[in-house]
N, C-alpha and C. Protein backbone atom coordinates (compact mmCIF):
# COMPACT_ATOMS: atom_id res chain seq x y z
N UNK A 1 118.89 -95.09 41.97
CA UNK A 1 120.18 -94.53 42.31
C UNK A 1 121.21 -95.64 42.47
N UNK A 2 120.85 -96.71 43.16
CA UNK A 2 121.78 -97.83 43.33
C UNK A 2 122.13 -98.46 41.99
N UNK A 3 121.17 -98.51 41.08
CA UNK A 3 121.42 -99.08 39.76
C UNK A 3 122.46 -98.27 39.01
N UNK A 4 122.42 -96.95 39.17
CA UNK A 4 123.40 -96.10 38.49
C UNK A 4 124.80 -96.37 39.01
N UNK A 5 124.94 -96.51 40.32
CA UNK A 5 126.26 -96.79 40.88
C UNK A 5 126.70 -98.21 40.54
N UNK A 6 125.79 -99.13 40.49
CA UNK A 6 126.13 -100.50 40.10
C UNK A 6 126.62 -100.54 38.66
N UNK A 7 125.99 -99.77 37.79
CA UNK A 7 126.43 -99.73 36.39
C UNK A 7 127.82 -99.12 36.28
N UNK A 8 128.10 -98.10 37.07
CA UNK A 8 129.44 -97.50 37.06
C UNK A 8 130.49 -98.48 37.54
N UNK A 9 130.14 -99.31 38.50
CA UNK A 9 131.09 -100.29 39.03
C UNK A 9 131.48 -101.31 37.99
N UNK A 10 130.66 -101.51 36.96
CA UNK A 10 130.99 -102.50 35.93
C UNK A 10 131.91 -101.96 34.86
N UNK A 11 132.17 -100.67 34.86
CA UNK A 11 133.08 -100.12 33.86
C UNK A 11 134.47 -100.69 34.08
N UNK A 12 135.15 -101.10 33.03
CA UNK A 12 136.48 -101.66 33.18
C UNK A 12 137.50 -100.59 33.57
N UNK A 13 138.69 -101.07 33.87
CA UNK A 13 139.76 -100.20 34.34
C UNK A 13 140.15 -99.14 33.34
N UNK A 14 139.79 -99.29 32.06
CA UNK A 14 140.13 -98.30 31.04
C UNK A 14 139.66 -96.91 31.45
N UNK A 15 138.51 -96.83 32.07
CA UNK A 15 137.97 -95.55 32.48
C UNK A 15 138.79 -94.92 33.59
N UNK A 16 139.57 -95.72 34.31
CA UNK A 16 140.33 -95.22 35.45
C UNK A 16 141.78 -94.89 35.11
N UNK A 17 142.32 -95.47 34.09
CA UNK A 17 143.72 -95.26 33.73
C UNK A 17 143.86 -94.10 32.76
N UNK A 18 144.99 -93.41 32.83
CA UNK A 18 145.25 -92.31 31.89
C UNK A 18 146.33 -92.68 30.88
N UNK A 19 146.70 -93.95 30.84
CA UNK A 19 147.69 -94.40 29.86
C UNK A 19 147.15 -94.14 28.47
N UNK A 20 147.98 -93.55 27.61
CA UNK A 20 147.57 -93.30 26.23
C UNK A 20 148.64 -93.87 25.30
N UNK A 21 148.22 -94.77 24.42
CA UNK A 21 149.14 -95.35 23.44
C UNK A 21 149.30 -94.34 22.31
N UNK A 22 150.54 -93.89 22.08
CA UNK A 22 150.81 -92.86 21.06
C UNK A 22 151.28 -93.45 19.74
N UNK A 23 151.80 -94.68 19.78
CA UNK A 23 152.20 -95.35 18.57
C UNK A 23 152.04 -96.85 18.80
N UNK A 24 151.36 -97.53 17.93
CA UNK A 24 150.91 -97.13 16.61
C UNK A 24 149.70 -96.20 16.68
N UNK A 25 149.53 -95.46 15.58
CA UNK A 25 148.37 -94.56 15.46
C UNK A 25 147.76 -94.75 14.08
N UNK A 26 146.71 -94.02 13.80
CA UNK A 26 146.00 -94.21 12.53
C UNK A 26 146.83 -93.83 11.31
N UNK A 27 147.86 -93.02 11.47
CA UNK A 27 148.71 -92.62 10.35
C UNK A 27 149.91 -93.54 10.18
N UNK A 28 149.97 -94.59 10.98
CA UNK A 28 151.12 -95.48 11.02
C UNK A 28 150.72 -96.85 10.48
N UNK A 29 151.69 -97.61 10.03
CA UNK A 29 151.47 -99.01 9.70
C UNK A 29 152.73 -99.77 10.06
N UNK A 30 152.57 -101.07 10.23
CA UNK A 30 153.69 -101.95 10.52
C UNK A 30 153.99 -102.76 9.27
N UNK A 31 155.23 -103.23 9.14
CA UNK A 31 155.64 -104.07 8.02
C UNK A 31 156.14 -105.40 8.57
N UNK A 32 155.67 -106.48 7.97
CA UNK A 32 156.10 -107.81 8.41
C UNK A 32 157.62 -107.93 8.38
N UNK A 33 158.15 -108.70 9.32
CA UNK A 33 159.58 -109.03 9.42
C UNK A 33 160.47 -107.82 9.69
N UNK A 34 159.91 -106.75 10.25
CA UNK A 34 160.70 -105.59 10.63
C UNK A 34 160.46 -105.28 12.11
N UNK A 35 161.23 -104.36 12.65
CA UNK A 35 161.04 -103.93 14.03
C UNK A 35 160.07 -102.76 14.07
N UNK A 36 159.28 -102.71 15.14
CA UNK A 36 158.33 -101.61 15.31
C UNK A 36 158.17 -101.33 16.80
N UNK A 37 158.09 -100.05 17.14
CA UNK A 37 157.96 -99.66 18.54
C UNK A 37 156.53 -99.30 18.90
N UNK A 38 156.16 -99.67 20.10
CA UNK A 38 154.91 -99.25 20.71
C UNK A 38 155.31 -98.20 21.75
N UNK A 39 154.71 -97.02 21.70
CA UNK A 39 155.03 -95.97 22.66
C UNK A 39 153.76 -95.50 23.34
N UNK A 40 153.92 -94.92 24.53
CA UNK A 40 152.76 -94.47 25.29
C UNK A 40 153.17 -93.41 26.31
N UNK A 41 152.15 -92.74 26.82
CA UNK A 41 152.32 -91.81 27.93
C UNK A 41 151.51 -92.36 29.10
N UNK A 42 151.86 -91.91 30.30
CA UNK A 42 151.14 -92.36 31.48
C UNK A 42 151.24 -91.28 32.55
N UNK A 43 150.46 -91.43 33.59
CA UNK A 43 150.49 -90.50 34.71
C UNK A 43 150.80 -91.28 35.99
N UNK A 44 151.36 -90.57 36.94
CA UNK A 44 151.63 -91.19 38.24
C UNK A 44 150.33 -91.79 38.78
N UNK A 45 150.42 -93.00 39.27
CA UNK A 45 149.25 -93.68 39.79
C UNK A 45 148.58 -94.61 38.80
N UNK A 46 148.99 -94.56 37.52
CA UNK A 46 148.43 -95.50 36.54
C UNK A 46 148.89 -96.91 36.90
N UNK A 47 148.10 -97.90 36.49
CA UNK A 47 148.44 -99.29 36.81
C UNK A 47 149.77 -99.70 36.19
N UNK A 48 150.54 -100.43 36.94
CA UNK A 48 151.79 -101.01 36.47
C UNK A 48 152.03 -102.26 37.28
N UNK A 49 152.51 -103.31 36.71
CA UNK A 49 152.87 -103.52 35.32
C UNK A 49 151.63 -103.77 34.45
N UNK A 50 151.89 -103.87 33.15
CA UNK A 50 150.84 -104.14 32.18
C UNK A 50 151.22 -105.34 31.32
N UNK A 51 150.24 -105.91 30.67
CA UNK A 51 150.49 -106.89 29.62
C UNK A 51 150.13 -106.23 28.30
N UNK A 52 150.90 -106.53 27.26
CA UNK A 52 150.67 -105.94 25.94
C UNK A 52 150.15 -107.02 25.00
N UNK A 53 149.01 -106.71 24.35
CA UNK A 53 148.40 -107.62 23.39
C UNK A 53 148.14 -106.89 22.09
N UNK A 54 148.13 -107.64 21.00
CA UNK A 54 147.69 -107.12 19.71
C UNK A 54 146.40 -107.86 19.38
N UNK A 55 145.38 -107.10 18.98
CA UNK A 55 144.07 -107.68 18.69
C UNK A 55 143.60 -107.24 17.32
N UNK A 56 142.65 -108.00 16.80
CA UNK A 56 142.00 -107.65 15.54
C UNK A 56 140.64 -108.35 15.56
N UNK A 57 139.59 -107.61 15.32
CA UNK A 57 138.25 -108.19 15.37
C UNK A 57 137.97 -109.11 14.18
N UNK A 58 138.80 -109.07 13.14
CA UNK A 58 138.63 -109.95 11.98
C UNK A 58 139.40 -111.24 12.22
N UNK A 59 138.70 -112.33 12.54
CA UNK A 59 139.35 -113.60 12.83
C UNK A 59 140.06 -114.20 11.62
N UNK A 60 139.76 -113.70 10.42
CA UNK A 60 140.49 -114.15 9.23
C UNK A 60 141.87 -113.52 9.15
N UNK A 61 142.09 -112.44 9.88
CA UNK A 61 143.39 -111.78 9.92
C UNK A 61 144.17 -112.23 11.15
N UNK A 62 143.51 -112.24 12.32
CA UNK A 62 144.14 -112.66 13.57
C UNK A 62 143.08 -113.39 14.39
N UNK A 63 143.30 -114.65 14.63
CA UNK A 63 142.32 -115.47 15.35
C UNK A 63 142.63 -115.43 16.84
N UNK A 64 142.17 -114.40 17.53
CA UNK A 64 142.41 -114.25 18.96
C UNK A 64 143.49 -113.22 19.24
N UNK A 65 143.61 -112.88 20.49
CA UNK A 65 144.60 -111.88 20.90
C UNK A 65 146.00 -112.47 20.84
N UNK A 66 146.96 -111.65 20.43
CA UNK A 66 148.36 -112.03 20.32
C UNK A 66 149.11 -111.42 21.49
N UNK A 67 149.62 -112.24 22.38
CA UNK A 67 150.35 -111.77 23.56
C UNK A 67 151.76 -111.36 23.17
N UNK A 68 152.08 -110.09 23.40
CA UNK A 68 153.41 -109.57 23.09
C UNK A 68 154.33 -109.74 24.28
N UNK A 69 153.89 -109.31 25.46
CA UNK A 69 154.72 -109.43 26.67
C UNK A 69 153.85 -109.24 27.90
N UNK A 70 154.32 -109.77 29.00
CA UNK A 70 153.64 -109.69 30.29
C UNK A 70 154.51 -108.87 31.25
N UNK A 71 153.88 -108.22 32.20
CA UNK A 71 154.54 -107.51 33.30
C UNK A 71 155.53 -106.45 32.81
N UNK A 72 155.08 -105.61 31.91
CA UNK A 72 155.89 -104.51 31.39
C UNK A 72 155.65 -103.29 32.28
N UNK A 73 156.71 -102.66 32.74
CA UNK A 73 156.61 -101.47 33.58
C UNK A 73 156.19 -100.29 32.71
N UNK A 74 155.08 -99.60 33.06
CA UNK A 74 154.60 -98.51 32.22
C UNK A 74 155.58 -97.35 32.15
N UNK A 75 156.48 -97.22 33.13
CA UNK A 75 157.41 -96.09 33.12
C UNK A 75 158.42 -96.18 31.98
N UNK A 76 158.57 -97.33 31.33
CA UNK A 76 159.50 -97.43 30.20
C UNK A 76 159.01 -96.64 29.00
N UNK A 77 157.70 -96.49 28.84
CA UNK A 77 157.04 -95.71 27.80
C UNK A 77 157.36 -96.13 26.38
N UNK A 78 158.01 -97.29 26.21
CA UNK A 78 158.33 -97.77 24.88
C UNK A 78 158.61 -99.26 24.93
N UNK A 79 158.20 -99.93 23.88
CA UNK A 79 158.45 -101.36 23.78
C UNK A 79 158.67 -101.67 22.30
N UNK A 80 159.78 -102.32 21.97
CA UNK A 80 160.10 -102.61 20.58
C UNK A 80 159.87 -104.09 20.28
N UNK A 81 159.08 -104.33 19.24
CA UNK A 81 158.90 -105.68 18.72
C UNK A 81 159.95 -105.83 17.63
N UNK A 82 160.84 -106.80 17.77
CA UNK A 82 161.97 -106.90 16.86
C UNK A 82 161.68 -107.65 15.57
N UNK A 83 160.55 -108.34 15.50
CA UNK A 83 160.24 -109.07 14.28
C UNK A 83 158.72 -109.22 14.18
N UNK A 84 158.08 -108.32 13.46
CA UNK A 84 156.63 -108.36 13.32
C UNK A 84 156.25 -109.60 12.51
N UNK A 85 155.54 -110.53 13.14
CA UNK A 85 155.16 -111.78 12.49
C UNK A 85 153.66 -111.89 12.27
N UNK A 86 152.97 -110.77 12.32
CA UNK A 86 151.52 -110.75 12.13
C UNK A 86 151.17 -110.89 10.65
N UNK A 87 149.98 -111.40 10.37
CA UNK A 87 149.48 -111.45 8.99
C UNK A 87 149.23 -110.04 8.49
N UNK A 88 149.40 -109.83 7.19
CA UNK A 88 149.08 -108.51 6.64
C UNK A 88 147.57 -108.32 6.71
N UNK A 89 147.16 -107.07 6.97
CA UNK A 89 145.74 -106.77 7.07
C UNK A 89 145.50 -105.49 7.84
N UNK A 90 144.25 -105.08 7.88
CA UNK A 90 143.85 -103.87 8.58
C UNK A 90 143.11 -104.23 9.87
N UNK A 91 142.86 -103.23 10.70
CA UNK A 91 142.04 -103.42 11.89
C UNK A 91 142.79 -103.86 13.13
N UNK A 92 144.11 -103.85 13.11
CA UNK A 92 144.87 -104.22 14.28
C UNK A 92 144.82 -103.10 15.33
N UNK A 93 144.97 -103.46 16.60
CA UNK A 93 145.10 -102.49 17.69
C UNK A 93 145.96 -103.11 18.77
N UNK A 94 146.66 -102.26 19.51
CA UNK A 94 147.44 -102.69 20.67
C UNK A 94 146.58 -102.43 21.90
N UNK A 95 146.55 -103.40 22.80
CA UNK A 95 145.84 -103.22 24.06
C UNK A 95 146.79 -103.43 25.23
N UNK A 96 146.66 -102.58 26.24
CA UNK A 96 147.37 -102.76 27.50
C UNK A 96 146.35 -103.27 28.50
N UNK A 97 146.65 -104.39 29.13
CA UNK A 97 145.71 -105.01 30.05
C UNK A 97 146.37 -105.35 31.38
N UNK A 98 145.53 -105.64 32.35
CA UNK A 98 145.98 -106.06 33.67
C UNK A 98 146.52 -107.48 33.54
N UNK A 99 147.78 -107.73 33.94
CA UNK A 99 148.35 -109.07 33.81
C UNK A 99 147.62 -110.12 34.66
N UNK A 100 146.92 -109.68 35.68
CA UNK A 100 146.20 -110.60 36.57
C UNK A 100 144.76 -110.83 36.14
N UNK A 101 144.24 -109.95 35.26
CA UNK A 101 142.85 -110.06 34.82
C UNK A 101 142.74 -109.44 33.43
N UNK A 102 142.79 -110.27 32.40
CA UNK A 102 142.83 -109.77 31.04
C UNK A 102 141.58 -109.00 30.63
N UNK A 103 140.52 -109.08 31.40
CA UNK A 103 139.32 -108.30 31.06
C UNK A 103 139.46 -106.84 31.49
N UNK A 104 140.47 -106.51 32.30
CA UNK A 104 140.75 -105.11 32.67
C UNK A 104 141.64 -104.49 31.60
N UNK A 105 141.04 -103.77 30.66
CA UNK A 105 141.78 -103.14 29.57
C UNK A 105 142.09 -101.71 29.99
N UNK A 106 143.38 -101.37 30.05
CA UNK A 106 143.81 -100.04 30.49
C UNK A 106 143.88 -99.04 29.34
N UNK A 107 144.28 -99.50 28.16
CA UNK A 107 144.43 -98.59 27.01
C UNK A 107 144.31 -99.38 25.72
N UNK A 108 143.78 -98.71 24.70
CA UNK A 108 143.64 -99.30 23.37
C UNK A 108 144.19 -98.29 22.36
N UNK A 109 145.04 -98.76 21.46
CA UNK A 109 145.59 -97.87 20.43
C UNK A 109 144.56 -97.64 19.34
N UNK A 110 144.78 -96.61 18.53
CA UNK A 110 143.97 -96.49 17.31
C UNK A 110 144.25 -97.70 16.41
N UNK A 111 143.35 -97.99 15.50
CA UNK A 111 143.52 -99.11 14.56
C UNK A 111 144.65 -98.80 13.59
N UNK A 112 145.38 -99.84 13.21
CA UNK A 112 146.48 -99.67 12.27
C UNK A 112 146.54 -100.88 11.35
N UNK A 113 147.40 -100.81 10.35
CA UNK A 113 147.52 -101.85 9.33
C UNK A 113 148.88 -102.51 9.42
N UNK A 114 148.95 -103.78 9.06
CA UNK A 114 150.22 -104.50 8.89
C UNK A 114 150.34 -104.79 7.40
N UNK A 115 151.47 -104.35 6.82
CA UNK A 115 151.70 -104.54 5.38
C UNK A 115 152.70 -105.66 5.15
N UNK A 116 152.70 -106.19 3.93
CA UNK A 116 153.57 -107.32 3.59
C UNK A 116 155.04 -106.93 3.66
N UNK A 117 155.88 -107.93 3.88
CA UNK A 117 157.32 -107.73 3.92
C UNK A 117 157.78 -107.08 2.62
N UNK A 118 158.73 -106.17 2.73
CA UNK A 118 159.25 -105.47 1.56
C UNK A 118 158.62 -104.10 1.35
N UNK A 119 157.51 -103.81 2.01
CA UNK A 119 156.89 -102.49 1.92
C UNK A 119 157.81 -101.49 2.62
N UNK A 120 158.01 -100.30 2.03
CA UNK A 120 158.84 -99.30 2.72
C UNK A 120 158.26 -99.00 4.11
N UNK A 121 159.13 -98.78 5.11
CA UNK A 121 158.64 -98.52 6.46
C UNK A 121 157.81 -97.25 6.54
N UNK A 122 156.90 -97.23 7.50
CA UNK A 122 156.07 -96.05 7.75
C UNK A 122 156.94 -94.92 8.24
N UNK A 123 156.67 -93.72 7.78
CA UNK A 123 157.45 -92.56 8.23
C UNK A 123 156.74 -91.83 9.36
N UNK A 124 155.60 -92.33 9.80
CA UNK A 124 154.84 -91.68 10.87
C UNK A 124 155.43 -92.03 12.22
N UNK A 125 155.96 -91.04 12.90
CA UNK A 125 156.47 -91.20 14.26
C UNK A 125 155.94 -90.06 15.08
N UNK A 126 155.18 -90.35 16.15
CA UNK A 126 154.63 -89.28 16.97
C UNK A 126 155.72 -88.43 17.59
N UNK A 127 155.45 -87.15 17.73
CA UNK A 127 156.41 -86.23 18.35
C UNK A 127 156.72 -86.70 19.75
N UNK A 128 157.99 -86.69 20.09
CA UNK A 128 158.40 -87.07 21.43
C UNK A 128 158.50 -88.56 21.66
N UNK A 129 158.24 -89.36 20.64
CA UNK A 129 158.33 -90.80 20.85
C UNK A 129 159.76 -91.27 20.66
N UNK A 130 160.02 -92.42 21.16
CA UNK A 130 161.35 -92.97 21.11
C UNK A 130 161.28 -94.38 20.55
N UNK A 131 162.30 -94.78 19.83
CA UNK A 131 162.32 -96.14 19.33
C UNK A 131 163.22 -97.02 20.18
N UNK A 132 163.73 -96.50 21.26
CA UNK A 132 164.58 -97.30 22.12
C UNK A 132 163.74 -98.28 22.91
N UNK A 133 164.35 -99.39 23.27
CA UNK A 133 163.62 -100.38 24.03
C UNK A 133 163.88 -100.17 25.51
N UNK A 134 163.22 -100.97 26.31
CA UNK A 134 163.31 -100.87 27.76
C UNK A 134 164.65 -101.35 28.27
N UNK A 135 164.72 -101.72 29.55
CA UNK A 135 165.99 -102.03 30.18
C UNK A 135 166.65 -103.32 29.72
N UNK A 136 165.98 -104.18 29.00
CA UNK A 136 166.59 -105.42 28.56
C UNK A 136 165.92 -105.97 27.34
N UNK A 137 166.25 -107.21 26.99
CA UNK A 137 165.59 -107.82 25.86
C UNK A 137 165.38 -109.29 26.14
N UNK A 138 164.52 -109.88 25.35
CA UNK A 138 164.19 -111.29 25.53
C UNK A 138 163.69 -111.86 24.22
N UNK A 139 163.83 -113.16 24.05
CA UNK A 139 163.32 -113.79 22.84
C UNK A 139 162.13 -114.69 23.12
N UNK A 140 161.55 -114.60 24.29
CA UNK A 140 160.40 -115.42 24.64
C UNK A 140 159.43 -114.63 25.48
N UNK A 141 158.16 -115.00 25.42
CA UNK A 141 157.17 -114.32 26.24
C UNK A 141 156.61 -115.24 27.32
N UNK A 142 157.25 -116.34 27.57
CA UNK A 142 156.69 -117.30 28.52
C UNK A 142 157.07 -117.02 29.96
N UNK A 143 158.06 -116.21 30.22
CA UNK A 143 158.51 -115.96 31.58
C UNK A 143 158.07 -114.60 32.06
N UNK A 144 157.54 -114.55 33.27
CA UNK A 144 157.11 -113.27 33.83
C UNK A 144 158.24 -112.58 34.57
N UNK A 145 159.40 -113.23 34.74
CA UNK A 145 160.49 -112.62 35.49
C UNK A 145 161.52 -111.96 34.59
N UNK A 146 161.35 -112.03 33.30
CA UNK A 146 162.32 -111.45 32.38
C UNK A 146 162.18 -109.93 32.32
N UNK A 147 163.24 -109.23 31.99
CA UNK A 147 163.13 -107.78 31.85
C UNK A 147 162.27 -107.42 30.65
N UNK A 148 161.60 -106.29 30.73
CA UNK A 148 160.74 -105.88 29.62
C UNK A 148 161.53 -105.05 28.64
N UNK A 149 161.01 -104.89 27.46
CA UNK A 149 161.64 -104.03 26.47
C UNK A 149 161.49 -104.54 25.07
N UNK A 150 161.92 -105.77 24.79
CA UNK A 150 161.92 -106.24 23.43
C UNK A 150 161.47 -107.69 23.38
N UNK A 151 160.78 -108.03 22.33
CA UNK A 151 160.38 -109.42 22.16
C UNK A 151 160.44 -109.80 20.69
N UNK A 152 160.58 -111.08 20.44
CA UNK A 152 160.54 -111.54 19.06
C UNK A 152 159.40 -112.53 18.83
N UNK A 153 158.76 -112.97 19.89
CA UNK A 153 157.67 -113.93 19.74
C UNK A 153 156.47 -113.48 20.56
N UNK A 154 155.37 -114.15 20.37
CA UNK A 154 154.17 -113.85 21.15
C UNK A 154 153.30 -115.08 21.20
N UNK A 155 152.18 -114.96 21.87
CA UNK A 155 151.28 -116.08 22.05
C UNK A 155 149.88 -115.66 21.64
N UNK A 156 149.25 -116.45 20.81
CA UNK A 156 147.87 -116.18 20.43
C UNK A 156 146.96 -116.76 21.49
N UNK A 157 146.11 -115.93 22.08
CA UNK A 157 145.23 -116.37 23.16
C UNK A 157 143.89 -116.90 22.67
N UNK A 158 143.79 -117.20 21.39
CA UNK A 158 142.59 -117.81 20.80
C UNK A 158 141.30 -117.14 21.21
N UNK A 159 141.25 -115.84 21.02
CA UNK A 159 139.99 -115.14 21.21
C UNK A 159 139.78 -114.54 22.58
N UNK A 160 140.69 -114.71 23.51
CA UNK A 160 140.46 -114.22 24.88
C UNK A 160 140.21 -112.73 24.92
N UNK A 161 140.88 -111.96 24.08
CA UNK A 161 140.71 -110.52 24.11
C UNK A 161 140.16 -109.96 22.81
N UNK A 162 139.82 -110.79 21.86
CA UNK A 162 139.47 -110.29 20.54
C UNK A 162 138.26 -109.37 20.56
N UNK A 163 137.42 -109.48 21.55
CA UNK A 163 136.24 -108.61 21.58
C UNK A 163 136.26 -107.66 22.75
N UNK A 164 137.41 -107.51 23.43
CA UNK A 164 137.45 -106.65 24.62
C UNK A 164 137.15 -105.20 24.29
N UNK A 165 137.52 -104.74 23.11
CA UNK A 165 137.19 -103.37 22.73
C UNK A 165 135.70 -103.19 22.64
N UNK A 166 135.02 -104.15 22.02
CA UNK A 166 133.56 -104.06 21.91
C UNK A 166 132.90 -104.16 23.27
N UNK A 167 133.43 -105.01 24.15
CA UNK A 167 132.88 -105.12 25.49
C UNK A 167 133.02 -103.80 26.23
N UNK A 168 134.17 -103.16 26.14
CA UNK A 168 134.37 -101.89 26.82
C UNK A 168 133.35 -100.86 26.36
N UNK A 169 133.20 -100.72 25.05
CA UNK A 169 132.28 -99.72 24.55
C UNK A 169 130.85 -100.01 24.97
N UNK A 170 130.47 -101.29 25.02
CA UNK A 170 129.13 -101.64 25.48
C UNK A 170 128.95 -101.31 26.95
N UNK A 171 129.94 -101.66 27.77
CA UNK A 171 129.84 -101.37 29.20
C UNK A 171 129.87 -99.87 29.45
N UNK A 172 130.72 -99.15 28.72
CA UNK A 172 130.79 -97.71 28.90
C UNK A 172 129.47 -97.06 28.55
N UNK A 173 128.85 -97.50 27.47
CA UNK A 173 127.56 -96.96 27.07
C UNK A 173 126.52 -97.21 28.16
N UNK A 174 126.49 -98.42 28.69
CA UNK A 174 125.55 -98.74 29.77
C UNK A 174 125.80 -97.86 30.99
N UNK A 175 127.06 -97.68 31.34
CA UNK A 175 127.39 -96.86 32.50
C UNK A 175 126.99 -95.41 32.31
N UNK A 176 127.25 -94.87 31.13
CA UNK A 176 126.91 -93.47 30.88
C UNK A 176 125.40 -93.27 30.81
N UNK A 177 124.69 -94.25 30.26
CA UNK A 177 123.24 -94.15 30.22
C UNK A 177 122.69 -94.19 31.64
N UNK A 178 123.25 -95.06 32.49
CA UNK A 178 122.79 -95.16 33.86
C UNK A 178 123.06 -93.86 34.61
N UNK A 179 124.21 -93.26 34.41
CA UNK A 179 124.52 -92.00 35.08
C UNK A 179 123.60 -90.90 34.57
N UNK A 180 123.38 -90.87 33.26
CA UNK A 180 122.50 -89.84 32.69
C UNK A 180 121.08 -89.98 33.24
N UNK A 181 120.61 -91.22 33.37
CA UNK A 181 119.26 -91.41 33.89
C UNK A 181 119.18 -91.08 35.37
N UNK A 182 120.27 -91.22 36.09
CA UNK A 182 120.32 -90.86 37.50
C UNK A 182 120.14 -89.36 37.68
N UNK A 183 120.76 -88.57 36.81
CA UNK A 183 120.70 -87.12 36.92
C UNK A 183 119.49 -86.52 36.21
N UNK A 184 118.76 -87.32 35.46
CA UNK A 184 117.58 -86.83 34.72
C UNK A 184 116.42 -86.56 35.64
């Protein structure tokens, strides 16, 4: 019985948060050198602020997590990247994480693709989403005191989060197996 509760305690914050990333989604793609919005829904009591990262498990496409912004208030429900500088490729995802502990992943978007500059923009926009940015804008991601909303640069964390999706699924599986065996 104690083992089952211990396994549940190892589940990351993703299991506790109800934040849902609505864009990008599987029907969407980003185009290099253009603006693209990240949108989400949340519930009262969800963690705030969050850090936004872009990840890809293929190190030939993205070598480590790309930091978009830190300390973003979840109530803004939208964040616009003004200049997508990612390599073209598939398998990208947006992750929302705890700014104080990057291993606490609150939400993961569906996988999406980044296409080369000059590709017509994606026409996929989720119902109810907005392309407006938050209360301000910034051209750097190095300051935690800046207003959230828009960024033009990011920081590659050299693998810090590149496998966090896989870690979550492994931990979740262990936790669910432990709970199932507890009730068996």
